[in-house]
Amino acid sequence: MIYVAIDLETSGLYPGIHQILEFGAVLEDMITPVDQLPIFHKYVLSAKGSYNCQPTAIIMNIDIMKKINEYNWKIPENDPEQPHPFVRDDLLVGEFLKWLKSYGIIENEEAPGYINVGGKNFMGFDYPFIKALQYGNKIKIRRRIIDPAPLYFDPAVDADLPDLQTCLDRAGITKTVLHTAVEDSIDVIKLFRHKFGIPF
């Protein structure tokens, strides 16, 4: 099965109030080596020029905020001279749909079909932020989301589903969750591959 692992970093917890700061997606076919999988990655510029932020989010995402601050307003966001891959929040959906189409995941950007998505707590957190974007409802997600947490749940000790770091620890994958969109998406892919014996 082909799916898209998606992760966001945001300026706070509340869609419609807070904004997406970083959008990462990795196209997983369960065959290609992880370091060769196609990646969509953007730092997200607020079209209105400012962000509503919670202090905790600023602290957690300070490196992302620094990268956004390096944006050169004198040239377009997709110019090769930009120091990082940027997109305005009102153009993010269109750019992501173009990327999906370029890999044959959807046929039509104007009326895209449903896609399989993987992510840690994607439906509870990430998807509402996507839907709050301009044209966000054009990104159509199948109801059943591939979330690694139930695979690493331990009913003897867990009062809630484990977070991403706990899942990695239980899988024996030695690394620290970086809270960056692409890395967290890759972590999700590795957790599934580990569980089903698929090489990284």
N, C-alpha and C. Protein backbone atom coordinates (compact mmCIF):
# COMPACT_ATOMS: atom_id res chain seq x y z
N MET A 1 0.84 -1.20 0.00
CA MET A 1 0.00 0.00 0.00
C MET A 1 0.87 1.25 0.00
N ILE A 2 0.49 2.22 -0.79
CA ILE A 2 1.17 3.51 -0.83
C ILE A 2 0.41 4.48 0.06
N TYR A 3 1.14 5.21 0.89
CA TYR A 3 0.51 6.25 1.69
C TYR A 3 1.46 7.43 1.83
N VAL A 4 0.91 8.55 2.30
CA VAL A 4 1.70 9.75 2.51
C VAL A 4 1.78 10.01 4.01
N ALA A 5 2.98 9.98 4.57
CA ALA A 5 3.17 10.34 5.97
C ALA A 5 3.27 11.85 6.05
N ILE A 6 2.42 12.45 6.88
CA ILE A 6 2.34 13.91 6.98
C ILE A 6 2.53 14.34 8.42
N ASP A 7 3.29 15.42 8.60
CA ASP A 7 3.44 16.00 9.92
C ASP A 7 3.53 17.52 9.79
N LEU A 8 2.98 18.21 10.77
CA LEU A 8 3.02 19.66 10.81
C LEU A 8 3.69 20.13 12.09
N GLU A 9 4.30 21.30 12.02
CA GLU A 9 4.67 22.04 13.22
C GLU A 9 3.87 23.34 13.18
N THR A 10 3.32 23.74 14.31
CA THR A 10 2.38 24.85 14.33
C THR A 10 2.74 25.88 15.40
N SER A 11 2.10 27.03 15.32
CA SER A 11 2.36 28.12 16.26
C SER A 11 1.51 28.00 17.53
N GLY A 12 0.73 26.95 17.62
CA GLY A 12 -0.11 26.72 18.79
C GLY A 12 -1.01 25.53 18.57
N LEU A 13 -1.96 25.34 19.45
CA LEU A 13 -2.78 24.12 19.45
C LEU A 13 -4.11 24.26 18.73
N TYR A 14 -4.50 25.47 18.35
CA TYR A 14 -5.87 25.68 17.91
C TYR A 14 -5.97 26.09 16.44
N PRO A 15 -6.48 25.20 15.59
CA PRO A 15 -6.68 25.54 14.17
C PRO A 15 -7.62 26.73 14.03
N GLY A 16 -7.33 27.58 13.06
CA GLY A 16 -8.15 28.76 12.87
C GLY A 16 -7.67 29.94 13.68
N ILE A 17 -6.93 29.66 14.75
CA ILE A 17 -6.32 30.72 15.57
C ILE A 17 -4.81 30.71 15.35
N HIS A 18 -4.22 29.53 15.45
CA HIS A 18 -2.78 29.38 15.24
C HIS A 18 -2.51 28.87 13.83
N GLN A 19 -1.25 28.95 13.40
CA GLN A 19 -0.91 28.68 12.01
C GLN A 19 0.10 27.54 11.87
N ILE A 20 0.11 26.98 10.69
CA ILE A 20 1.13 26.00 10.34
C ILE A 20 2.44 26.73 10.09
N LEU A 21 3.50 26.26 10.72
CA LEU A 21 4.83 26.84 10.52
C LEU A 21 5.67 26.00 9.56
N GLU A 22 5.46 24.69 9.60
CA GLU A 22 6.24 23.78 8.75
C GLU A 22 5.34 22.63 8.34
N PHE A 23 5.43 22.25 7.07
CA PHE A 23 4.63 21.16 6.51
C PHE A 23 5.60 20.16 5.89
N GLY A 24 5.50 18.91 6.32
CA GLY A 24 6.34 17.86 5.76
C GLY A 24 5.52 16.66 5.36
N ALA A 25 5.83 16.08 4.23
CA ALA A 25 5.14 14.88 3.76
C ALA A 25 6.17 13.98 3.07
N VAL A 26 6.05 12.68 3.32
CA VAL A 26 6.95 11.70 2.71
C VAL A 26 6.09 10.63 2.07
N LEU A 27 6.35 10.34 0.80
CA LEU A 27 5.58 9.35 0.05
C LEU A 27 6.17 7.96 0.28
N GLU A 28 5.42 7.10 0.94
CA GLU A 28 5.89 5.78 1.34
C GLU A 28 5.29 4.69 0.47
N ASP A 29 6.16 3.87 -0.16
CA ASP A 29 5.70 2.74 -0.97
C ASP A 29 6.06 1.40 -0.34
N MET A 30 6.74 1.44 0.82
CA MET A 30 7.13 0.25 1.57
C MET A 30 8.17 -0.61 0.85
N ILE A 31 8.80 -0.05 -0.16
CA ILE A 31 9.83 -0.76 -0.93
C ILE A 31 11.11 0.06 -1.01
N THR A 32 10.98 1.31 -1.43
CA THR A 32 12.13 2.19 -1.64
C THR A 32 12.84 2.46 -0.31
N PRO A 33 14.19 2.46 -0.29
CA PRO A 33 14.89 2.84 0.95
C PRO A 33 14.39 4.19 1.46
N VAL A 34 14.26 4.29 2.77
CA VAL A 34 13.66 5.48 3.37
C VAL A 34 14.37 6.76 2.94
N ASP A 35 15.69 6.72 2.84
CA ASP A 35 16.42 7.95 2.49
C ASP A 35 16.29 8.32 1.02
N GLN A 36 15.54 7.51 0.24
CA GLN A 36 15.30 7.84 -1.17
C GLN A 36 13.83 8.14 -1.45
N LEU A 37 12.99 8.15 -0.42
CA LEU A 37 11.56 8.41 -0.62
C LEU A 37 11.33 9.88 -1.00
N PRO A 38 10.33 10.14 -1.86
CA PRO A 38 10.03 11.53 -2.23
C PRO A 38 9.55 12.34 -1.03
N ILE A 39 10.00 13.58 -0.94
CA ILE A 39 9.69 14.45 0.20
C ILE A 39 9.10 15.77 -0.30
N PHE A 40 8.04 16.20 0.36
CA PHE A 40 7.50 17.55 0.19
C PHE A 40 7.74 18.28 1.49
N HIS A 41 8.45 19.40 1.42
CA HIS A 41 8.80 20.12 2.65
C HIS A 41 8.75 21.62 2.42
N LYS A 42 7.99 22.32 3.27
CA LYS A 42 7.90 23.77 3.16
C LYS A 42 7.84 24.41 4.54
N TYR A 43 8.52 25.56 4.67
CA TYR A 43 8.28 26.46 5.78
C TYR A 43 7.18 27.40 5.34
N VAL A 44 6.21 27.62 6.21
CA VAL A 44 4.96 28.26 5.79
C VAL A 44 4.93 29.72 6.23
N LEU A 45 4.79 30.59 5.26
CA LEU A 45 4.74 32.03 5.49
C LEU A 45 3.29 32.47 5.68
N SER A 46 3.06 33.28 6.67
CA SER A 46 1.72 33.82 6.89
C SER A 46 1.42 34.88 5.84
N ALA A 47 0.34 34.69 5.08
CA ALA A 47 -0.03 35.66 4.04
C ALA A 47 -0.32 37.03 4.64
N LYS A 48 -0.77 37.06 5.90
CA LYS A 48 -1.06 38.35 6.53
C LYS A 48 0.18 38.97 7.17
N GLY A 49 1.30 38.22 7.17
CA GLY A 49 2.56 38.78 7.63
C GLY A 49 2.84 38.64 9.11
N SER A 50 1.96 37.97 9.86
CA SER A 50 2.20 37.79 11.28
C SER A 50 1.64 36.46 11.73
N TYR A 51 2.02 36.03 12.93
CA TYR A 51 1.60 34.74 13.47
C TYR A 51 1.01 34.92 14.86
N ASN A 52 -0.02 34.14 15.16
CA ASN A 52 -0.52 34.03 16.52
C ASN A 52 0.20 32.85 17.16
N CYS A 53 0.89 33.08 18.26
CA CYS A 53 1.73 32.03 18.83
C CYS A 53 1.45 31.81 20.32
N GLN A 54 1.52 30.55 20.72
CA GLN A 54 1.56 30.22 22.13
C GLN A 54 3.02 30.11 22.56
N PRO A 55 3.36 30.56 23.77
CA PRO A 55 4.77 30.52 24.20
C PRO A 55 5.41 29.15 24.08
N THR A 56 4.68 28.10 24.46
CA THR A 56 5.25 26.75 24.37
C THR A 56 5.62 26.40 22.93
N ALA A 57 4.76 26.80 21.99
CA ALA A 57 5.02 26.51 20.58
C ALA A 57 6.23 27.27 20.08
N ILE A 58 6.41 28.51 20.54
CA ILE A 58 7.57 29.29 20.13
C ILE A 58 8.85 28.61 20.60
N ILE A 59 8.84 28.17 21.86
CA ILE A 59 10.02 27.52 22.42
C ILE A 59 10.33 26.23 21.66
N MET A 60 9.29 25.41 21.43
CA MET A 60 9.49 24.14 20.75
C MET A 60 9.96 24.32 19.32
N ASN A 61 9.48 25.38 18.67
CA ASN A 61 9.76 25.57 17.24
C ASN A 61 10.67 26.76 16.97
N ILE A 62 11.53 27.09 17.91
CA ILE A 62 12.36 28.28 17.75
C ILE A 62 13.26 28.19 16.52
N ASP A 63 13.78 27.00 16.20
CA ASP A 63 14.63 26.88 15.00
C ASP A 63 13.82 27.09 13.73
N ILE A 64 12.58 26.64 13.73
CA ILE A 64 11.71 26.86 12.57
C ILE A 64 11.42 28.35 12.43
N MET A 65 11.13 29.02 13.54
CA MET A 65 10.86 30.45 13.49
C MET A 65 12.07 31.22 12.96
N LYS A 66 13.26 30.78 13.34
CA LYS A 66 14.47 31.42 12.84
C LYS A 66 14.60 31.26 11.33
N LYS A 67 14.25 30.08 10.83
CA LYS A 67 14.31 29.85 9.37
C LYS A 67 13.29 30.72 8.65
N ILE A 68 12.07 30.81 9.20
CA ILE A 68 11.06 31.67 8.59
C ILE A 68 11.55 33.12 8.57
N ASN A 69 12.25 33.53 9.61
CA ASN A 69 12.77 34.89 9.70
C ASN A 69 13.84 35.18 8.66
N GLU A 70 14.43 34.12 8.09
CA GLU A 70 15.46 34.29 7.06
C GLU A 70 14.88 34.48 5.66
N TYR A 71 13.56 34.43 5.56
CA TYR A 71 12.92 34.61 4.25
C TYR A 71 13.29 35.96 3.64
N ASN A 72 13.65 35.93 2.38
CA ASN A 72 14.01 37.15 1.65
C ASN A 72 12.76 37.68 0.94
N TRP A 73 12.17 38.72 1.49
CA TRP A 73 10.92 39.25 0.95
C TRP A 73 11.10 39.95 -0.39
N LYS A 74 12.34 40.12 -0.84
CA LYS A 74 12.57 40.81 -2.11
C LYS A 74 12.44 39.89 -3.32
N ILE A 75 12.38 38.59 -3.09
CA ILE A 75 12.26 37.63 -4.20
C ILE A 75 11.14 36.65 -3.89
N PRO A 76 10.57 35.97 -4.91
CA PRO A 76 9.45 35.05 -4.67
C PRO A 76 9.83 33.91 -3.73
N GLU A 77 8.81 33.38 -3.07
CA GLU A 77 9.08 32.34 -2.07
C GLU A 77 9.66 31.07 -2.67
N ASN A 78 9.40 30.80 -3.95
CA ASN A 78 9.92 29.58 -4.58
C ASN A 78 11.20 29.84 -5.38
N ASP A 79 11.80 31.00 -5.22
CA ASP A 79 13.03 31.33 -5.93
C ASP A 79 14.18 30.48 -5.38
N PRO A 80 15.03 29.92 -6.27
CA PRO A 80 16.17 29.11 -5.80
C PRO A 80 17.12 29.86 -4.87
N GLU A 81 17.09 31.18 -4.90
CA GLU A 81 17.96 31.97 -4.04
C GLU A 81 17.47 32.05 -2.59
N GLN A 82 16.23 31.62 -2.36
CA GLN A 82 15.73 31.60 -0.98
C GLN A 82 16.56 30.61 -0.15
N PRO A 83 16.82 30.93 1.12
CA PRO A 83 17.66 30.04 1.93
C PRO A 83 16.99 28.73 2.32
N HIS A 84 15.64 28.68 2.24
CA HIS A 84 14.90 27.49 2.62
C HIS A 84 13.68 27.35 1.71
N PRO A 85 13.04 26.17 1.68
CA PRO A 85 11.83 26.01 0.87
C PRO A 85 10.62 26.66 1.55
N PHE A 86 10.11 27.72 0.97
CA PHE A 86 9.00 28.46 1.56
C PHE A 86 7.75 28.35 0.70
N VAL A 87 6.60 28.55 1.34
CA VAL A 87 5.34 28.72 0.62
C VAL A 87 4.43 29.57 1.49
N ARG A 88 3.63 30.44 0.86
CA ARG A 88 2.62 31.19 1.61
C ARG A 88 1.50 30.26 2.01
N ASP A 89 0.90 30.52 3.17
CA ASP A 89 -0.14 29.61 3.65
C ASP A 89 -1.34 29.51 2.71
N ASP A 90 -1.63 30.59 1.95
CA ASP A 90 -2.76 30.53 1.03
C ASP A 90 -2.42 29.79 -0.27
N LEU A 91 -1.16 29.42 -0.45
CA LEU A 91 -0.73 28.67 -1.64
C LEU A 91 -0.29 27.25 -1.30
N LEU A 92 -0.27 26.91 -0.02
CA LEU A 92 0.26 25.62 0.43
C LEU A 92 -0.52 24.45 -0.15
N VAL A 93 -1.83 24.50 -0.11
CA VAL A 93 -2.64 23.38 -0.60
C VAL A 93 -2.36 23.13 -2.07
N GLY A 94 -2.32 24.18 -2.87
CA GLY A 94 -2.07 24.02 -4.29
C GLY A 94 -0.71 23.40 -4.57
N GLU A 95 0.31 23.84 -3.83
CA GLU A 95 1.66 23.27 -4.02
C GLU A 95 1.69 21.79 -3.63
N PHE A 96 1.01 21.45 -2.54
CA PHE A 96 0.99 20.06 -2.11
C PHE A 96 0.25 19.18 -3.11
N LEU A 97 -0.85 19.66 -3.65
CA LEU A 97 -1.60 18.89 -4.64
C LEU A 97 -0.79 18.69 -5.92
N LYS A 98 -0.04 19.71 -6.32
CA LYS A 98 0.85 19.56 -7.49
C LYS A 98 1.87 18.46 -7.25
N TRP A 99 2.42 18.43 -6.04
CA TRP A 99 3.40 17.41 -5.68
C TRP A 99 2.77 16.02 -5.74
N LEU A 100 1.59 15.87 -5.16
CA LEU A 100 0.89 14.58 -5.20
C LEU A 100 0.63 14.14 -6.64
N LYS A 101 0.22 15.09 -7.47
CA LYS A 101 -0.05 14.76 -8.88
C LYS A 101 1.22 14.35 -9.60
N SER A 102 2.35 14.98 -9.28
CA SER A 102 3.60 14.67 -9.96
C SER A 102 4.05 13.23 -9.71
N TYR A 103 3.57 12.62 -8.63
CA TYR A 103 3.91 11.23 -8.32
C TYR A 103 2.73 10.28 -8.59
N GLY A 104 1.70 10.78 -9.23
CA GLY A 104 0.58 9.94 -9.62
C GLY A 104 -0.34 9.55 -8.48
N ILE A 105 -0.27 10.25 -7.35
CA ILE A 105 -1.13 9.92 -6.21
C ILE A 105 -2.54 10.45 -6.44
N ILE A 106 -2.66 11.58 -7.10
CA ILE A 106 -3.95 12.09 -7.54
C ILE A 106 -3.85 12.38 -9.03
N GLU A 107 -5.00 12.40 -9.71
CA GLU A 107 -5.01 12.66 -11.14
C GLU A 107 -5.32 14.10 -11.47
N ASN A 108 -6.07 14.75 -10.59
CA ASN A 108 -6.59 16.07 -10.92
C ASN A 108 -6.46 16.98 -9.70
N GLU A 109 -5.76 18.09 -9.85
CA GLU A 109 -5.57 19.02 -8.73
C GLU A 109 -6.86 19.73 -8.36
N GLU A 110 -7.75 19.94 -9.35
CA GLU A 110 -8.98 20.68 -9.09
C GLU A 110 -10.02 19.82 -8.37
N ALA A 111 -10.03 18.53 -8.66
CA ALA A 111 -10.96 17.62 -7.99
C ALA A 111 -10.21 16.36 -7.59
N PRO A 112 -9.29 16.49 -6.64
CA PRO A 112 -8.44 15.35 -6.27
C PRO A 112 -9.22 14.26 -5.56
N GLY A 113 -8.75 13.02 -5.74
CA GLY A 113 -9.36 11.91 -5.04
C GLY A 113 -8.81 11.79 -3.63
N TYR A 114 -9.25 10.76 -2.94
CA TYR A 114 -8.82 10.53 -1.57
C TYR A 114 -7.43 9.90 -1.53
N ILE A 115 -6.68 10.23 -0.49
CA ILE A 115 -5.34 9.67 -0.33
C ILE A 115 -5.23 8.95 1.02
N ASN A 116 -4.36 7.94 1.06
CA ASN A 116 -4.04 7.27 2.31
C ASN A 116 -2.99 8.11 3.04
N VAL A 117 -3.21 8.32 4.33
CA VAL A 117 -2.30 9.15 5.12
C VAL A 117 -1.84 8.39 6.36
N GLY A 118 -0.57 8.54 6.69
CA GLY A 118 -0.03 8.04 7.94
C GLY A 118 0.49 9.20 8.76
N GLY A 119 0.35 9.09 10.08
CA GLY A 119 0.86 10.14 10.94
C GLY A 119 0.50 9.89 12.39
N LYS A 120 1.31 10.41 13.28
CA LYS A 120 1.03 10.28 14.71
C LYS A 120 -0.02 11.32 15.10
N ASN A 121 -1.19 10.85 15.52
CA ASN A 121 -2.30 11.71 15.91
C ASN A 121 -2.69 12.68 14.80
N PHE A 122 -2.64 12.20 13.56
CA PHE A 122 -2.92 13.07 12.41
C PHE A 122 -4.34 13.61 12.44
N MET A 123 -5.33 12.74 12.67
CA MET A 123 -6.72 13.19 12.62
C MET A 123 -7.05 14.14 13.78
N GLY A 124 -6.44 13.89 14.94
CA GLY A 124 -6.74 14.71 16.10
C GLY A 124 -6.05 16.07 16.09
N PHE A 125 -4.90 16.16 15.41
CA PHE A 125 -4.15 17.42 15.45
C PHE A 125 -3.90 18.01 14.06
N ASP A 126 -3.18 17.29 13.22
CA ASP A 126 -2.72 17.87 11.95
C ASP A 126 -3.85 18.19 10.97
N TYR A 127 -4.77 17.25 10.80
CA TYR A 127 -5.79 17.43 9.76
C TYR A 127 -6.66 18.67 10.00
N PRO A 128 -7.08 18.96 11.24
CA PRO A 128 -7.85 20.20 11.44
C PRO A 128 -7.10 21.46 11.00
N PHE A 129 -5.78 21.48 11.16
CA PHE A 129 -5.00 22.63 10.69
C PHE A 129 -5.01 22.70 9.17
N ILE A 130 -4.92 21.54 8.52
CA ILE A 130 -4.96 21.51 7.06
C ILE A 130 -6.32 22.00 6.56
N LYS A 131 -7.38 21.53 7.18
CA LYS A 131 -8.73 21.95 6.76
C LYS A 131 -8.96 23.44 6.98
N ALA A 132 -8.25 24.04 7.95
CA ALA A 132 -8.40 25.47 8.20
C ALA A 132 -7.70 26.34 7.17
N LEU A 133 -6.84 25.73 6.34
CA LEU A 133 -6.16 26.48 5.28
C LEU A 133 -7.14 26.89 4.19
N GLN A 134 -6.78 27.93 3.45
CA GLN A 134 -7.55 28.25 2.26
C GLN A 134 -7.49 27.05 1.30
N TYR A 135 -8.63 26.57 0.86
CA TYR A 135 -8.78 25.39 0.00
C TYR A 135 -8.37 24.09 0.71
N GLY A 136 -8.26 24.12 2.03
CA GLY A 136 -7.83 22.93 2.76
C GLY A 136 -8.71 21.72 2.55
N ASN A 137 -10.00 21.94 2.29
CA ASN A 137 -10.91 20.81 2.08
C ASN A 137 -10.65 20.07 0.77
N LYS A 138 -9.79 20.63 -0.09
CA LYS A 138 -9.45 19.93 -1.32
C LYS A 138 -8.50 18.75 -1.07
N ILE A 139 -7.84 18.75 0.08
CA ILE A 139 -7.00 17.61 0.45
C ILE A 139 -7.90 16.59 1.12
N LYS A 140 -8.23 15.54 0.39
CA LYS A 140 -9.21 14.57 0.86
C LYS A 140 -8.50 13.34 1.42
N ILE A 141 -8.80 13.05 2.67
CA ILE A 141 -8.14 11.98 3.41
C ILE A 141 -9.10 10.83 3.62
N ARG A 142 -8.63 9.61 3.39
CA ARG A 142 -9.45 8.45 3.71
C ARG A 142 -9.69 8.40 5.22
N ARG A 143 -10.83 7.85 5.61
CA ARG A 143 -11.21 7.85 7.02
C ARG A 143 -10.24 7.10 7.91
N ARG A 144 -9.70 6.01 7.42
CA ARG A 144 -8.81 5.19 8.24
C ARG A 144 -7.37 5.68 8.09
N ILE A 145 -6.85 6.26 9.16
CA ILE A 145 -5.51 6.82 9.15
C ILE A 145 -4.53 5.80 9.73
N ILE A 146 -3.35 5.75 9.15
CA ILE A 146 -2.33 4.82 9.61
C ILE A 146 -1.54 5.52 10.73
N ASP A 147 -1.83 5.14 11.97
CA ASP A 147 -1.19 5.75 13.14
C ASP A 147 -0.41 4.65 13.87
N PRO A 148 0.88 4.87 14.13
CA PRO A 148 1.68 3.80 14.75
C PRO A 148 1.38 3.56 16.23
N ALA A 149 0.74 4.50 16.90
CA ALA A 149 0.58 4.40 18.36
C ALA A 149 -0.09 3.10 18.81
N PRO A 150 -1.19 2.65 18.18
CA PRO A 150 -1.81 1.40 18.65
C PRO A 150 -0.90 0.18 18.52
N LEU A 151 0.04 0.23 17.59
CA LEU A 151 0.96 -0.90 17.41
C LEU A 151 1.96 -1.01 18.55
N TYR A 152 2.20 0.10 19.23
CA TYR A 152 3.20 0.12 20.30
C TYR A 152 2.55 0.39 21.67
N PHE A 153 1.26 0.25 21.75
CA PHE A 153 0.52 0.43 22.99
C PHE A 153 0.74 -0.75 23.91
N ASP A 154 1.01 -0.47 25.18
CA ASP A 154 1.18 -1.52 26.19
C ASP A 154 0.09 -1.35 27.25
N PRO A 155 -0.96 -2.17 27.20
CA PRO A 155 -2.09 -1.99 28.13
C PRO A 155 -1.71 -2.18 29.59
N ALA A 156 -0.58 -2.82 29.85
CA ALA A 156 -0.16 -3.04 31.24
C ALA A 156 0.36 -1.76 31.90
N VAL A 157 0.85 -0.82 31.10
CA VAL A 157 1.45 0.39 31.68
C VAL A 157 0.88 1.70 31.14
N ASP A 158 0.21 1.67 29.99
CA ASP A 158 -0.23 2.91 29.35
C ASP A 158 -1.65 3.30 29.77
N ALA A 159 -1.79 4.55 30.18
CA ALA A 159 -3.12 5.10 30.43
C ALA A 159 -3.64 5.81 29.18
N ASP A 160 -2.77 6.00 28.22
CA ASP A 160 -3.10 6.68 26.97
C ASP A 160 -2.22 6.08 25.89
N LEU A 161 -2.52 6.37 24.64
CA LEU A 161 -1.66 5.89 23.56
C LEU A 161 -0.28 6.54 23.67
N PRO A 162 0.78 5.79 23.37
CA PRO A 162 2.13 6.34 23.53
C PRO A 162 2.44 7.44 22.52
N ASP A 163 3.31 8.37 22.95
CA ASP A 163 3.75 9.42 22.04
C ASP A 163 4.80 8.85 21.09
N LEU A 164 5.26 9.69 20.17
CA LEU A 164 6.18 9.22 19.13
C LEU A 164 7.49 8.74 19.72
N GLN A 165 8.02 9.46 20.73
CA GLN A 165 9.28 9.04 21.34
C GLN A 165 9.14 7.68 22.02
N THR A 166 8.04 7.45 22.70
CA THR A 166 7.82 6.16 23.36
C THR A 166 7.72 5.04 22.33
N CYS A 167 7.04 5.32 21.22
CA CYS A 167 6.94 4.32 20.15
C CYS A 167 8.33 3.96 19.62
N LEU A 168 9.16 4.96 19.38
CA LEU A 168 10.52 4.70 18.89
C LEU A 168 11.32 3.89 19.90
N ASP A 169 11.20 4.25 21.17
CA ASP A 169 11.93 3.52 22.21
C ASP A 169 11.50 2.06 22.25
N ARG A 170 10.21 1.82 22.17
CA ARG A 170 9.70 0.45 22.23
C ARG A 170 10.06 -0.35 20.99
N ALA A 171 10.26 0.34 19.88
CA ALA A 171 10.67 -0.34 18.65
C ALA A 171 12.17 -0.61 18.64
N GLY A 172 12.89 -0.04 19.60
CA GLY A 172 14.34 -0.18 19.61
C GLY A 172 15.03 0.69 18.59
N ILE A 173 14.34 1.74 18.15
CA ILE A 173 14.94 2.68 17.19
C ILE A 173 15.58 3.80 18.02
N THR A 174 16.89 3.84 18.02
CA THR A 174 17.60 4.77 18.88
C THR A 174 17.71 6.14 18.23
N LYS A 175 16.85 7.03 18.64
CA LYS A 175 16.92 8.41 18.17
C LYS A 175 15.97 9.25 19.01
N THR A 176 16.19 10.54 18.99
CA THR A 176 15.33 11.48 19.71
C THR A 176 14.40 12.15 18.71
N VAL A 177 13.13 12.25 19.07
CA VAL A 177 12.18 12.94 18.22
C VAL A 177 12.61 14.40 18.09
N LEU A 178 12.71 14.87 16.86
CA LEU A 178 13.23 16.22 16.61
C LEU A 178 12.15 17.29 16.53
N HIS A 179 10.90 16.88 16.41
CA HIS A 179 9.78 17.82 16.26
C HIS A 179 10.00 18.72 15.05
N THR A 180 10.47 18.11 13.97
CA THR A 180 10.50 18.77 12.67
C THR A 180 9.66 17.91 11.73
N ALA A 181 8.98 18.55 10.79
CA ALA A 181 7.92 17.89 10.05
C ALA A 181 8.39 16.67 9.24
N VAL A 182 9.49 16.81 8.52
CA VAL A 182 9.96 15.69 7.69
C VAL A 182 10.51 14.57 8.56
N GLU A 183 11.33 14.91 9.55
CA GLU A 183 11.91 13.88 10.42
C GLU A 183 10.83 13.10 11.16
N ASP A 184 9.81 13.79 11.64
CA ASP A 184 8.73 13.09 12.34
C ASP A 184 7.95 12.19 11.39
N SER A 185 7.78 12.62 10.15
CA SER A 185 7.11 11.78 9.15
C SER A 185 7.94 10.52 8.87
N ILE A 186 9.25 10.68 8.77
CA ILE A 186 10.13 9.54 8.54
C ILE A 186 10.11 8.59 9.74
N ASP A 187 10.04 9.14 10.95
CA ASP A 187 9.93 8.30 12.14
C ASP A 187 8.69 7.42 12.08
N VAL A 188 7.58 7.99 11.65
CA VAL A 188 6.33 7.21 11.51
C VAL A 188 6.53 6.07 10.53
N ILE A 189 7.15 6.36 9.40
CA ILE A 189 7.41 5.32 8.39
C ILE A 189 8.29 4.22 8.97
N LYS A 190 9.33 4.61 9.68
CA LYS A 190 10.23 3.60 10.27
C LYS A 190 9.51 2.72 11.29
N LEU A 191 8.60 3.30 12.04
CA LEU A 191 7.86 2.51 13.03
C LEU A 191 7.01 1.45 12.35
N PHE A 192 6.37 1.79 11.26
CA PHE A 192 5.58 0.78 10.54
C PHE A 192 6.48 -0.26 9.89
N ARG A 193 7.56 0.19 9.29
CA ARG A 193 8.47 -0.77 8.65
C ARG A 193 9.05 -1.73 9.69
N HIS A 194 9.41 -1.21 10.85
CA HIS A 194 9.93 -2.07 11.89
C HIS A 194 8.90 -3.11 12.30
N LYS A 195 7.67 -2.69 12.49
CA LYS A 195 6.63 -3.60 12.96
C LYS A 195 6.36 -4.73 11.97
N PHE A 196 6.48 -4.45 10.69
CA PHE A 196 6.15 -5.44 9.67
C PHE A 196 7.39 -6.02 8.98
N GLY A 197 8.56 -5.77 9.57
CA GLY A 197 9.77 -6.39 9.07
C GLY A 197 10.22 -5.91 7.71
N ILE A 198 9.91 -4.65 7.39
CA ILE A 198 10.32 -4.08 6.10
C ILE A 198 11.60 -3.28 6.32
N PRO A 199 12.66 -3.55 5.56
CA PRO A 199 13.92 -2.83 5.77
C PRO A 199 13.76 -1.32 5.61
N PHE A 200 14.59 -0.58 6.36
CA PHE A 200 14.59 0.88 6.22
C PHE A 200 15.30 1.29 4.93
